[in-house]
Amino acid sequence: MASLRVVKPGDEAPRKEVPATITEAIEGSARDVLASMRRALAKKLDAGEVSSNAIASAYKELRELDRQIRALDAAEEQEAERDDGNRRPRRSFNASAI
């Protein structure tokens, strides 16, 4: 098990691991499923396993999967930036202060 540590300025975020199979990805997040599908489709295209009449639609699907993954990553990054140190500590209500 990995230990926790404080992130220092300039530290890069670790690369997201893509599950090896789509079956493994189903146990994870939606991003995991999309990334596994993209990897599987790319491997089939590279190996020439896609028939000539399906290549155009396969590339279109690959582009769409990539777009969705990048959108999820961008939204996650935006949320992380918004939450970075911008939260003030929550103060409890003190009725006697009124």
PDB file of N, CA and C in Angstrom:
ATOM      1  N   MET A   1       0.842  -1.171   0.000  1.00  0.00           N
ATOM      2  CA  MET A   1       0.000   0.000   0.000  1.00  0.00           C
ATOM      3  C   MET A   1       0.891   1.240   0.000  1.00  0.00           C
ATOM      4  N   ALA A   2       0.547   2.218  -0.800  1.00  0.00           N
ATOM      5  CA  ALA A   2       1.335   3.439  -0.895  1.00  0.00           C
ATOM      6  C   ALA A   2       1.059   4.339   0.302  1.00  0.00           C
ATOM      7  N   SER A   3       2.078   5.070   0.709  1.00  0.00           N
ATOM      8  CA  SER A   3       1.889   5.993   1.824  1.00  0.00           C
ATOM      9  C   SER A   3       1.515   7.367   1.284  1.00  0.00           C
ATOM     10  N   LEU A   4       0.860   8.149   2.110  1.00  0.00           N
ATOM     11  CA  LEU A   4       0.452   9.491   1.719  1.00  0.00           C
ATOM     12  C   LEU A   4       1.574  10.462   2.007  1.00  0.00           C
ATOM     13  N   ARG A   5       1.642  11.516   1.204  1.00  0.00           N
ATOM     14  CA  ARG A   5       2.622  12.560   1.445  1.00  0.00           C
ATOM     15  C   ARG A   5       2.048  13.879   0.955  1.00  0.00           C
ATOM     16  N   VAL A   6       2.635  14.963   1.402  1.00  0.00           N
ATOM     17  CA  VAL A   6       2.198  16.290   0.997  1.00  0.00           C
ATOM     18  C   VAL A   6       2.707  16.561  -0.411  1.00  0.00           C
ATOM     19  N   VAL A   7       1.851  17.121  -1.241  1.00  0.00           N
ATOM     20  CA  VAL A   7       2.242  17.467  -2.606  1.00  0.00           C
ATOM     21  C   VAL A   7       2.980  18.796  -2.562  1.00  0.00           C
ATOM     22  N   LYS A   8       4.120  18.836  -3.196  1.00  0.00           N
ATOM     23  CA  LYS A   8       4.931  20.046  -3.224  1.00  0.00           C
ATOM     24  C   LYS A   8       4.659  20.813  -4.508  1.00  0.00           C
ATOM     25  N   PRO A   9       4.850  22.139  -4.488  1.00  0.00           N
ATOM     26  CA  PRO A   9       4.675  22.908  -5.721  1.00  0.00           C
ATOM     27  C   PRO A   9       5.595  22.359  -6.807  1.00  0.00           C
ATOM     28  N   GLY A  10       5.069  22.219  -7.980  1.00  0.00           N
ATOM     29  CA  GLY A  10       5.855  21.692  -9.093  1.00  0.00           C
ATOM     30  C   GLY A  10       5.727  20.196  -9.281  1.00  0.00           C
ATOM     31  N   ASP A  11       5.157  19.494  -8.294  1.00  0.00           N
ATOM     32  CA  ASP A  11       4.934  18.055  -8.450  1.00  0.00           C
ATOM     33  C   ASP A  11       3.875  17.827  -9.516  1.00  0.00           C
ATOM     34  N   GLU A  12       4.131  16.879 -10.377  1.00  0.00           N
ATOM     35  CA  GLU A  12       3.154  16.554 -11.410  1.00  0.00           C
ATOM     36  C   GLU A  12       2.223  15.468 -10.913  1.00  0.00           C
ATOM     37  N   ALA A  13       0.996  15.536 -11.377  1.00  0.00           N
ATOM     38  CA  ALA A  13       0.014  14.519 -11.007  1.00  0.00           C
ATOM     39  C   ALA A  13       0.427  13.191 -11.624  1.00  0.00           C
ATOM     40  N   PRO A  14       0.228  12.100 -10.904  1.00  0.00           N
ATOM     41  CA  PRO A  14       0.569  10.793 -11.473  1.00  0.00           C
ATOM     42  C   PRO A  14      -0.343  10.469 -12.648  1.00  0.00           C
ATOM     43  N   ARG A  15       0.188   9.749 -13.604  1.00  0.00           N
ATOM     44  CA  ARG A  15      -0.623   9.350 -14.759  1.00  0.00           C
ATOM     45  C   ARG A  15      -1.709   8.399 -14.295  1.00  0.00           C
ATOM     46  N   LYS A  16      -2.875   8.563 -14.886  1.00  0.00           N
ATOM     47  CA  LYS A  16      -3.978   7.676 -14.553  1.00  0.00           C
ATOM     48  C   LYS A  16      -3.740   6.327 -15.223  1.00  0.00           C
ATOM     49  N   GLU A  17      -3.814   5.276 -14.440  1.00  0.00           N
ATOM     50  CA  GLU A  17      -3.633   3.937 -14.994  1.00  0.00           C
ATOM     51  C   GLU A  17      -4.919   3.488 -15.659  1.00  0.00           C
ATOM     52  N   VAL A  18      -4.773   2.903 -16.826  1.00  0.00           N
ATOM     53  CA  VAL A  18      -5.923   2.372 -17.548  1.00  0.00           C
ATOM     54  C   VAL A  18      -5.990   0.880 -17.269  1.00  0.00           C
ATOM     55  N   PRO A  19      -7.145   0.391 -16.823  1.00  0.00           N
ATOM     56  CA  PRO A  19      -7.265  -1.055 -16.594  1.00  0.00           C
ATOM     57  C   PRO A  19      -6.925  -1.832 -17.865  1.00  0.00           C
ATOM     58  N   ALA A  20      -6.367  -3.012 -17.684  1.00  0.00           N
ATOM     59  CA  ALA A  20      -5.903  -3.819 -18.814  1.00  0.00           C
ATOM     60  C   ALA A  20      -7.044  -4.305 -19.704  1.00  0.00           C
ATOM     61  N   THR A  21      -8.208  -4.570 -19.124  1.00  0.00           N
ATOM     62  CA  THR A  21      -9.337  -5.065 -19.914  1.00  0.00           C
ATOM     63  C   THR A  21     -10.584  -4.250 -19.610  1.00  0.00           C
ATOM     64  N   ILE A  22     -11.527  -4.318 -20.514  1.00  0.00           N
ATOM     65  CA  ILE A  22     -12.794  -3.620 -20.311  1.00  0.00           C
ATOM     66  C   ILE A  22     -13.534  -4.235 -19.124  1.00  0.00           C
ATOM     67  N   THR A  23     -13.405  -5.535 -18.944  1.00  0.00           N
ATOM     68  CA  THR A  23     -14.044  -6.202 -17.807  1.00  0.00           C
ATOM     69  C   THR A  23     -13.526  -5.640 -16.486  1.00  0.00           C
ATOM     70  N   GLU A  24     -12.219  -5.421 -16.383  1.00  0.00           N
ATOM     71  CA  GLU A  24     -11.648  -4.808 -15.177  1.00  0.00           C
ATOM     72  C   GLU A  24     -12.129  -3.371 -15.023  1.00  0.00           C
ATOM     73  N   ALA A  25     -12.263  -2.660 -16.131  1.00  0.00           N
ATOM     74  CA  ALA A  25     -12.652  -1.253 -16.096  1.00  0.00           C
ATOM     75  C   ALA A  25     -14.065  -1.060 -15.566  1.00  0.00           C
ATOM     76  N   ILE A  26     -14.928  -2.018 -15.807  1.00  0.00           N
ATOM     77  CA  ILE A  26     -16.315  -1.901 -15.363  1.00  0.00           C
ATOM     78  C   ILE A  26     -16.383  -1.752 -13.846  1.00  0.00           C
ATOM     79  N   GLU A  27     -15.405  -2.304 -13.148  1.00  0.00           N
ATOM     80  CA  GLU A  27     -15.362  -2.192 -11.692  1.00  0.00           C
ATOM     81  C   GLU A  27     -14.948  -0.783 -11.253  1.00  0.00           C
ATOM     82  N   GLY A  28     -14.402   0.007 -12.163  1.00  0.00           N
ATOM     83  CA  GLY A  28     -13.905   1.339 -11.820  1.00  0.00           C
ATOM     84  C   GLY A  28     -14.878   2.439 -12.208  1.00  0.00           C
ATOM     85  N   SER A  29     -14.316   3.548 -12.644  1.00  0.00           N
ATOM     86  CA  SER A  29     -15.110   4.725 -12.991  1.00  0.00           C
ATOM     87  C   SER A  29     -15.512   4.705 -14.466  1.00  0.00           C
ATOM     88  N   ALA A  30     -16.353   5.661 -14.828  1.00  0.00           N
ATOM     89  CA  ALA A  30     -16.761   5.803 -16.228  1.00  0.00           C
ATOM     90  C   ALA A  30     -15.543   6.111 -17.094  1.00  0.00           C
ATOM     91  N   ARG A  31     -14.602   6.892 -16.553  1.00  0.00           N
ATOM     92  CA  ARG A  31     -13.391   7.215 -17.298  1.00  0.00           C
ATOM     93  C   ARG A  31     -12.580   5.952 -17.582  1.00  0.00           C
ATOM     94  N   ASP A  32     -12.522   5.050 -16.599  1.00  0.00           N
ATOM     95  CA  ASP A  32     -11.800   3.786 -16.791  1.00  0.00           C
ATOM     96  C   ASP A  32     -12.390   2.983 -17.947  1.00  0.00           C
ATOM     97  N   VAL A  33     -13.711   2.935 -18.009  1.00  0.00           N
ATOM     98  CA  VAL A  33     -14.383   2.185 -19.080  1.00  0.00           C
ATOM     99  C   VAL A  33     -14.072   2.821 -20.431  1.00  0.00           C
ATOM    100  N   LEU A  34     -14.206   4.148 -20.518  1.00  0.00           N
ATOM    101  CA  LEU A  34     -13.927   4.839 -21.781  1.00  0.00           C
ATOM    102  C   LEU A  34     -12.473   4.639 -22.213  1.00  0.00           C
ATOM    103  N   ALA A  35     -11.546   4.748 -21.266  1.00  0.00           N
ATOM    104  CA  ALA A  35     -10.124   4.594 -21.592  1.00  0.00           C
ATOM    105  C   ALA A  35      -9.813   3.174 -22.055  1.00  0.00           C
ATOM    106  N   SER A  36     -10.429   2.185 -21.437  1.00  0.00           N
ATOM    107  CA  SER A  36     -10.212   0.793 -21.866  1.00  0.00           C
ATOM    108  C   SER A  36     -10.791   0.548 -23.251  1.00  0.00           C
ATOM    109  N   MET A  37     -11.951   1.121 -23.500  1.00  0.00           N
ATOM    110  CA  MET A  37     -12.556   0.977 -24.831  1.00  0.00           C
ATOM    111  C   MET A  37     -11.677   1.639 -25.886  1.00  0.00           C
ATOM    112  N   ARG A  38     -11.145   2.833 -25.562  1.00  0.00           N
ATOM    113  CA  ARG A  38     -10.274   3.540 -26.507  1.00  0.00           C
ATOM    114  C   ARG A  38      -9.029   2.713 -26.793  1.00  0.00           C
ATOM    115  N   ARG A  39      -8.424   2.148 -25.746  1.00  0.00           N
ATOM    116  CA  ARG A  39      -7.218   1.336 -25.922  1.00  0.00           C
ATOM    117  C   ARG A  39      -7.511   0.101 -26.779  1.00  0.00           C
ATOM    118  N   ALA A  40      -8.623  -0.596 -26.490  1.00  0.00           N
ATOM    119  CA  ALA A  40      -8.968  -1.811 -27.238  1.00  0.00           C
ATOM    120  C   ALA A  40      -9.219  -1.485 -28.709  1.00  0.00           C
ATOM    121  N   LEU A  41      -9.933  -0.393 -28.965  1.00  0.00           N
ATOM    122  CA  LEU A  41     -10.225  -0.004 -30.346  1.00  0.00           C
ATOM    123  C   LEU A  41      -8.945   0.398 -31.079  1.00  0.00           C
ATOM    124  N   ALA A  42      -8.086   1.141 -30.404  1.00  0.00           N
ATOM    125  CA  ALA A  42      -6.822   1.550 -31.025  1.00  0.00           C
ATOM    126  C   ALA A  42      -5.958   0.338 -31.370  1.00  0.00           C
ATOM    127  N   LYS A  43      -5.920  -0.649 -30.485  1.00  0.00           N
ATOM    128  CA  LYS A  43      -5.141  -1.867 -30.760  1.00  0.00           C
ATOM    129  C   LYS A  43      -5.685  -2.603 -31.981  1.00  0.00           C
ATOM    130  N   LYS A  44      -7.015  -2.683 -32.092  1.00  0.00           N
ATOM    131  CA  LYS A  44      -7.617  -3.360 -33.245  1.00  0.00           C
ATOM    132  C   LYS A  44      -7.317  -2.606 -34.537  1.00  0.00           C
ATOM    133  N   LEU A  45      -7.373  -1.273 -34.483  1.00  0.00           N
ATOM    134  CA  LEU A  45      -7.062  -0.476 -35.670  1.00  0.00           C
ATOM    135  C   LEU A  45      -5.593  -0.651 -36.059  1.00  0.00           C
ATOM    136  N   ASP A  46      -4.697  -0.603 -35.077  1.00  0.00           N
ATOM    137  CA  ASP A  46      -3.267  -0.765 -35.356  1.00  0.00           C
ATOM    138  C   ASP A  46      -2.944  -2.143 -35.921  1.00  0.00           C
ATOM    139  N   ALA A  47      -3.648  -3.162 -35.450  1.00  0.00           N
ATOM    140  CA  ALA A  47      -3.386  -4.537 -35.890  1.00  0.00           C
ATOM    141  C   ALA A  47      -4.064  -4.863 -37.218  1.00  0.00           C
ATOM    142  N   GLY A  48      -4.866  -3.941 -37.733  1.00  0.00           N
ATOM    143  CA  GLY A  48      -5.556  -4.187 -38.997  1.00  0.00           C
ATOM    144  C   GLY A  48      -6.721  -5.147 -38.865  1.00  0.00           C
ATOM    145  N   GLU A  49      -7.277  -5.252 -37.673  1.00  0.00           N
ATOM    146  CA  GLU A  49      -8.373  -6.183 -37.431  1.00  0.00           C
ATOM    147  C   GLU A  49      -9.746  -5.598 -37.761  1.00  0.00           C
ATOM    148  N   VAL A  50      -9.777  -4.333 -38.160  1.00  0.00           N
ATOM    149  CA  VAL A  50     -11.051  -3.690 -38.493  1.00  0.00           C
ATOM    150  C   VAL A  50     -11.239  -3.787 -40.000  1.00  0.00           C
ATOM    151  N   SER A  51     -12.410  -4.253 -40.414  1.00  0.00           N
ATOM    152  CA  SER A  51     -12.656  -4.413 -41.852  1.00  0.00           C
ATOM    153  C   SER A  51     -12.668  -3.050 -42.541  1.00  0.00           C
ATOM    154  N   SER A  52     -12.354  -3.056 -43.816  1.00  0.00           N
ATOM    155  CA  SER A  52     -12.220  -1.806 -44.569  1.00  0.00           C
ATOM    156  C   SER A  52     -13.502  -0.986 -44.584  1.00  0.00           C
ATOM    157  N   ASN A  53     -14.649  -1.637 -44.551  1.00  0.00           N
ATOM    158  CA  ASN A  53     -15.896  -0.869 -44.574  1.00  0.00           C
ATOM    159  C   ASN A  53     -16.264  -0.317 -43.192  1.00  0.00           C
ATOM    160  N   ALA A  54     -15.522  -0.679 -42.146  1.00  0.00           N
ATOM    161  CA  ALA A  54     -15.819  -0.188 -40.797  1.00  0.00           C
ATOM    162  C   ALA A  54     -14.753   0.768 -40.265  1.00  0.00           C
ATOM    163  N   ILE A  55     -13.710   1.016 -41.051  1.00  0.00           N
ATOM    164  CA  ILE A  55     -12.610   1.852 -40.566  1.00  0.00           C
ATOM    165  C   ILE A  55     -13.066   3.272 -40.261  1.00  0.00           C
ATOM    166  N   ALA A  56     -13.837   3.877 -41.137  1.00  0.00           N
ATOM    167  CA  ALA A  56     -14.272   5.261 -40.926  1.00  0.00           C
ATOM    168  C   ALA A  56     -15.073   5.397 -39.637  1.00  0.00           C
ATOM    169  N   SER A  57     -16.011   4.493 -39.413  1.00  0.00           N
ATOM    170  CA  SER A  57     -16.812   4.588 -38.191  1.00  0.00           C
ATOM    171  C   SER A  57     -15.974   4.262 -36.956  1.00  0.00           C
ATOM    172  N   ALA A  58     -14.978   3.392 -37.098  1.00  0.00           N
ATOM    173  CA  ALA A  58     -14.102   3.068 -35.967  1.00  0.00           C
ATOM    174  C   ALA A  58     -13.268   4.286 -35.575  1.00  0.00           C
ATOM    175  N   TYR A  59     -12.745   5.004 -36.566  1.00  0.00           N
ATOM    176  CA  TYR A  59     -11.987   6.217 -36.257  1.00  0.00           C
ATOM    177  C   TYR A  59     -12.880   7.286 -35.643  1.00  0.00           C
ATOM    178  N   LYS A  60     -14.094   7.381 -36.132  1.00  0.00           N
ATOM    179  CA  LYS A  60     -15.043   8.346 -35.563  1.00  0.00           C
ATOM    180  C   LYS A  60     -15.320   7.997 -34.100  1.00  0.00           C
ATOM    181  N   GLU A  61     -15.512   6.728 -33.807  1.00  0.00           N
ATOM    182  CA  GLU A  61     -15.751   6.281 -32.431  1.00  0.00           C
ATOM    183  C   GLU A  61     -14.521   6.534 -31.561  1.00  0.00           C
ATOM    184  N   LEU A  62     -13.336   6.312 -32.111  1.00  0.00           N
ATOM    185  CA  LEU A  62     -12.099   6.562 -31.378  1.00  0.00           C
ATOM    186  C   LEU A  62     -11.975   8.043 -31.009  1.00  0.00           C
ATOM    187  N   ARG A  63     -12.283   8.922 -31.970  1.00  0.00           N
ATOM    188  CA  ARG A  63     -12.257  10.365 -31.700  1.00  0.00           C
ATOM    189  C   ARG A  63     -13.252  10.737 -30.608  1.00  0.00           C
ATOM    190  N   GLU A  64     -14.446  10.159 -30.659  1.00  0.00           N
ATOM    191  CA  GLU A  64     -15.480  10.467 -29.672  1.00  0.00           C
ATOM    192  C   GLU A  64     -15.065   9.986 -28.277  1.00  0.00           C
ATOM    193  N   LEU A  65     -14.514   8.792 -28.185  1.00  0.00           N
ATOM    194  CA  LEU A  65     -14.033   8.289 -26.896  1.00  0.00           C
ATOM    195  C   LEU A  65     -12.944   9.202 -26.339  1.00  0.00           C
ATOM    196  N   ASP A  66     -12.019   9.615 -27.201  1.00  0.00           N
ATOM    197  CA  ASP A  66     -10.937  10.492 -26.777  1.00  0.00           C
ATOM    198  C   ASP A  66     -11.485  11.837 -26.299  1.00  0.00           C
ATOM    199  N   ARG A  67     -12.459  12.382 -27.016  1.00  0.00           N
ATOM    200  CA  ARG A  67     -13.072  13.656 -26.626  1.00  0.00           C
ATOM    201  C   ARG A  67     -13.730  13.547 -25.253  1.00  0.00           C
ATOM    202  N   GLN A  68     -14.449  12.460 -25.020  1.00  0.00           N
ATOM    203  CA  GLN A  68     -15.124  12.275 -23.736  1.00  0.00           C
ATOM    204  C   GLN A  68     -14.127  12.134 -22.588  1.00  0.00           C
ATOM    205  N   ILE A  69     -13.053  11.402 -22.822  1.00  0.00           N
ATOM    206  CA  ILE A  69     -12.028  11.231 -21.784  1.00  0.00           C
ATOM    207  C   ILE A  69     -11.377  12.569 -21.464  1.00  0.00           C
ATOM    208  N   ARG A  70     -11.028  13.324 -22.501  1.00  0.00           N
ATOM    209  CA  ARG A  70     -10.393  14.629 -22.278  1.00  0.00           C
ATOM    210  C   ARG A  70     -11.337  15.594 -21.565  1.00  0.00           C
ATOM    211  N   ALA A  71     -12.630  15.527 -21.871  1.00  0.00           N
ATOM    212  CA  ALA A  71     -13.612  16.381 -21.196  1.00  0.00           C
ATOM    213  C   ALA A  71     -13.718  16.012 -19.716  1.00  0.00           C
ATOM    214  N   LEU A  72     -13.724  14.720 -19.414  1.00  0.00           N
ATOM    215  CA  LEU A  72     -13.762  14.283 -18.011  1.00  0.00           C
ATOM    216  C   LEU A  72     -12.510  14.738 -17.264  1.00  0.00           C
ATOM    217  N   ASP A  73     -11.347  14.606 -17.908  1.00  0.00           N
ATOM    218  CA  ASP A  73     -10.092  15.023 -17.280  1.00  0.00           C
ATOM    219  C   ASP A  73     -10.075  16.533 -17.036  1.00  0.00           C
ATOM    220  N   ALA A  74     -10.558  17.308 -18.011  1.00  0.00           N
ATOM    221  CA  ALA A  74     -10.585  18.764 -17.867  1.00  0.00           C
ATOM    222  C   ALA A  74     -11.529  19.182 -16.741  1.00  0.00           C
ATOM    223  N   ALA A  75     -12.690  18.543 -16.655  1.00  0.00           N
ATOM    224  CA  ALA A  75     -13.645  18.865 -15.592  1.00  0.00           C
ATOM    225  C   ALA A  75     -13.058  18.520 -14.226  1.00  0.00           C
ATOM    226  N   GLU A  76     -12.368  17.399 -14.145  1.00  0.00           N
ATOM    227  CA  GLU A  76     -11.740  16.991 -12.881  1.00  0.00           C
ATOM    228  C   GLU A  76     -10.645  17.979 -12.484  1.00  0.00           C
ATOM    229  N   GLU A  77      -9.869  18.419 -13.472  1.00  0.00           N
ATOM    230  CA  GLU A  77      -8.797  19.377 -13.205  1.00  0.00           C
ATOM    231  C   GLU A  77      -9.367  20.721 -12.755  1.00  0.00           C
ATOM    232  N   GLN A  78     -10.448  21.162 -13.404  1.00  0.00           N
ATOM    233  CA  GLN A  78     -11.097  22.415 -13.025  1.00  0.00           C
ATOM    234  C   GLN A  78     -11.617  22.348 -11.601  1.00  0.00           C
ATOM    235  N   GLU A  79     -12.222  21.235 -11.260  1.00  0.00           N
ATOM    236  CA  GLU A  79     -12.758  21.065  -9.911  1.00  0.00           C
ATOM    237  C   GLU A  79     -11.637  21.077  -8.880  1.00  0.00           C
ATOM    238  N   ALA A  80     -10.524  20.446  -9.208  1.00  0.00           N
ATOM    239  CA  ALA A  80      -9.381  20.419  -8.290  1.00  0.00           C
ATOM    240  C   ALA A  80      -8.810  21.819  -8.097  1.00  0.00           C
ATOM    241  N   GLU A  81      -8.721  22.593  -9.176  1.00  0.00           N
ATOM    242  CA  GLU A  81      -8.212  23.962  -9.080  1.00  0.00           C
ATOM    243  C   GLU A  81      -9.140  24.826  -8.247  1.00  0.00           C
ATOM    244  N   ARG A  82     -10.440  24.633  -8.410  1.00  0.00           N
ATOM    245  CA  ARG A  82     -11.426  25.414  -7.678  1.00  0.00           C
ATOM    246  C   ARG A  82     -11.346  25.093  -6.184  1.00  0.00           C
ATOM    247  N   ASP A  83     -11.056  23.850  -5.852  1.00  0.00           N
ATOM    248  CA  ASP A  83     -11.011  23.429  -4.457  1.00  0.00           C
ATOM    249  C   ASP A  83      -9.659  23.675  -3.796  1.00  0.00           C
ATOM    250  N   ASP A  84      -8.626  23.985  -4.566  1.00  0.00           N
ATOM    251  CA  ASP A  84      -7.276  24.165  -4.011  1.00  0.00           C
ATOM    252  C   ASP A  84      -7.202  25.378  -3.092  1.00  0.00           C
ATOM    253  N   GLY A  85      -7.269  25.135  -1.807  1.00  0.00           N
ATOM    254  CA  GLY A  85      -7.048  26.196  -0.833  1.00  0.00           C
ATOM    255  C   GLY A  85      -8.064  27.312  -0.817  1.00  0.00           C
ATOM    256  N   ASN A  86      -9.089  27.245  -1.613  1.00  0.00           N
ATOM    257  CA  ASN A  86     -10.073  28.312  -1.651  1.00  0.00           C
ATOM    258  C   ASN A  86     -11.178  28.128  -0.621  1.00  0.00           C
ATOM    259  N   ARG A  87     -11.129  27.043   0.073  1.00  0.00           N
ATOM    260  CA  ARG A  87     -12.169  26.787   1.071  1.00  0.00           C
ATOM    261  C   ARG A  87     -11.751  27.379   2.407  1.00  0.00           C
ATOM    262  N   ARG A  88     -12.671  28.097   2.986  1.00  0.00           N
ATOM    263  CA  ARG A  88     -12.424  28.596   4.332  1.00  0.00           C
ATOM    264  C   ARG A  88     -12.881  27.534   5.317  1.00  0.00           C
ATOM    265  N   PRO A  89     -12.249  27.472   6.465  1.00  0.00           N
ATOM    266  CA  PRO A  89     -12.701  26.485   7.437  1.00  0.00           C
ATOM    267  C   PRO A  89     -14.138  26.778   7.849  1.00  0.00           C
ATOM    268  N   ARG A  90     -14.885  25.750   7.992  1.00  0.00           N
ATOM    269  CA  ARG A  90     -16.287  25.903   8.364  1.00  0.00           C
ATOM    270  C   ARG A  90     -16.374  26.280   9.839  1.00  0.00           C
ATOM    271  N   ARG A  91     -17.151  27.327  10.086  1.00  0.00           N
ATOM    272  CA  ARG A  91     -17.345  27.743  11.470  1.00  0.00           C
ATOM    273  C   ARG A  91     -18.700  27.252  11.934  1.00  0.00           C
ATOM    274  N   SER A  92     -18.768  26.814  13.155  1.00  0.00           N
ATOM    275  CA  SER A  92     -20.048  26.355  13.674  1.00  0.00           C
ATOM    276  C   SER A  92     -20.870  27.542  14.166  1.00  0.00           C
ATOM    277  N   PHE A  93     -22.139  27.326  14.183  1.00  0.00           N
ATOM    278  CA  PHE A  93     -23.072  28.349  14.630  1.00  0.00           C
ATOM    279  C   PHE A  93     -23.000  28.466  16.143  1.00  0.00           C
ATOM    280  N   ASN A  94     -22.898  29.692  16.602  1.00  0.00           N
ATOM    281  CA  ASN A  94     -22.858  29.953  18.037  1.00  0.00           C
ATOM    282  C   ASN A  94     -24.049  30.832  18.382  1.00  0.00           C
ATOM    283  N   ALA A  95     -25.088  30.250  18.948  1.00  0.00           N
ATOM    284  CA  ALA A  95     -26.318  30.986  19.266  1.00  0.00           C
ATOM    285  C   ALA A  95     -26.075  32.066  20.307  1.00  0.00           C
ATOM    286  N   SER A  96     -25.118  31.894  21.180  1.00  0.00           N
ATOM    287  CA  SER A  96     -24.881  32.894  22.230  1.00  0.00           C
ATOM    288  C   SER A  96     -24.247  34.166  21.675  1.00  0.00           C
ATOM    289  N   ALA A  97     -23.754  34.133  20.458  1.00  0.00           N
ATOM    290  CA  ALA A  97     -23.136  35.310  19.858  1.00  0.00           C
ATOM    291  C   ALA A  97     -24.174  36.327  19.404  1.00  0.00           C
ATOM    292  N   ILE A  98     -25.434  35.948  19.366  1.00  0.00           N
ATOM    293  CA  ILE A  98     -26.491  36.858  18.884  1.00  0.00           C
ATOM    294  C   ILE A  98     -26.981  37.736  19.992  1.00  0.00           C
TER     295      ILE A  98
END
